[in-house]
């Protein structure tokens, strides 16, 4: 039996807070974690757009949706699984590149882009930015790691001189202090200068820390 692939057109979904215009000064591109949906994830960032009419938040959604329990009920989305992962990564990179192009076309050239990935979304945004046509002002890796398989030259080109924040809750059930230090060391070896930020919490976002990162 031979496996084949066929490239097809399909619809990708994203949610947005605020309106893109010539007045837009800041854009946050935020990628959710495993089993989440963009329409709920983006609500954590609503206060940023509400406080500043020149800030727009965009939350793309993973292309693979599924029932979280059994065959009905709540639905979540995933960026990829181990099955056919390289093609799934390529599909998401293409989706995010098209979305970024659409956003940047509607903004002034000096717009400041912050990219945040949460949990599974951290690897997704890292793989994407290593192939993106623009460079963000700030990359936030929240409760997740940098993908180890990225070629060292591509990782170095992305991380060198880039403002990178690595965030984790002190009671995160997936990232303990040892794993956090390993992530920081990995980024440093690849040419990055990450800044670590922690908060009292678990595997979750934290509004107070988000506000602080946005203000810096």
Foldseek 3Di string as FASTA:
>chain_A
DDDDDDDDDDDWDKDKDADQAQLAAEEEEEEEAWFAARVVVCVLVNVVCVVDNNYMYMYTFAPAKADPDDHDDRIGHHQADPPVGVVSLVVLLVVVQVVVVVRCVRYPPNHAYEYEYAANGLCSVLSNQLPHPDAHQEYEYEHYAHDPPPPLVSLLVRAAPHAYEYEAECAEPVAHPVNSVVRCVVSVVSRHDYDYDYHHDYRDDDSVVVVVVVVD
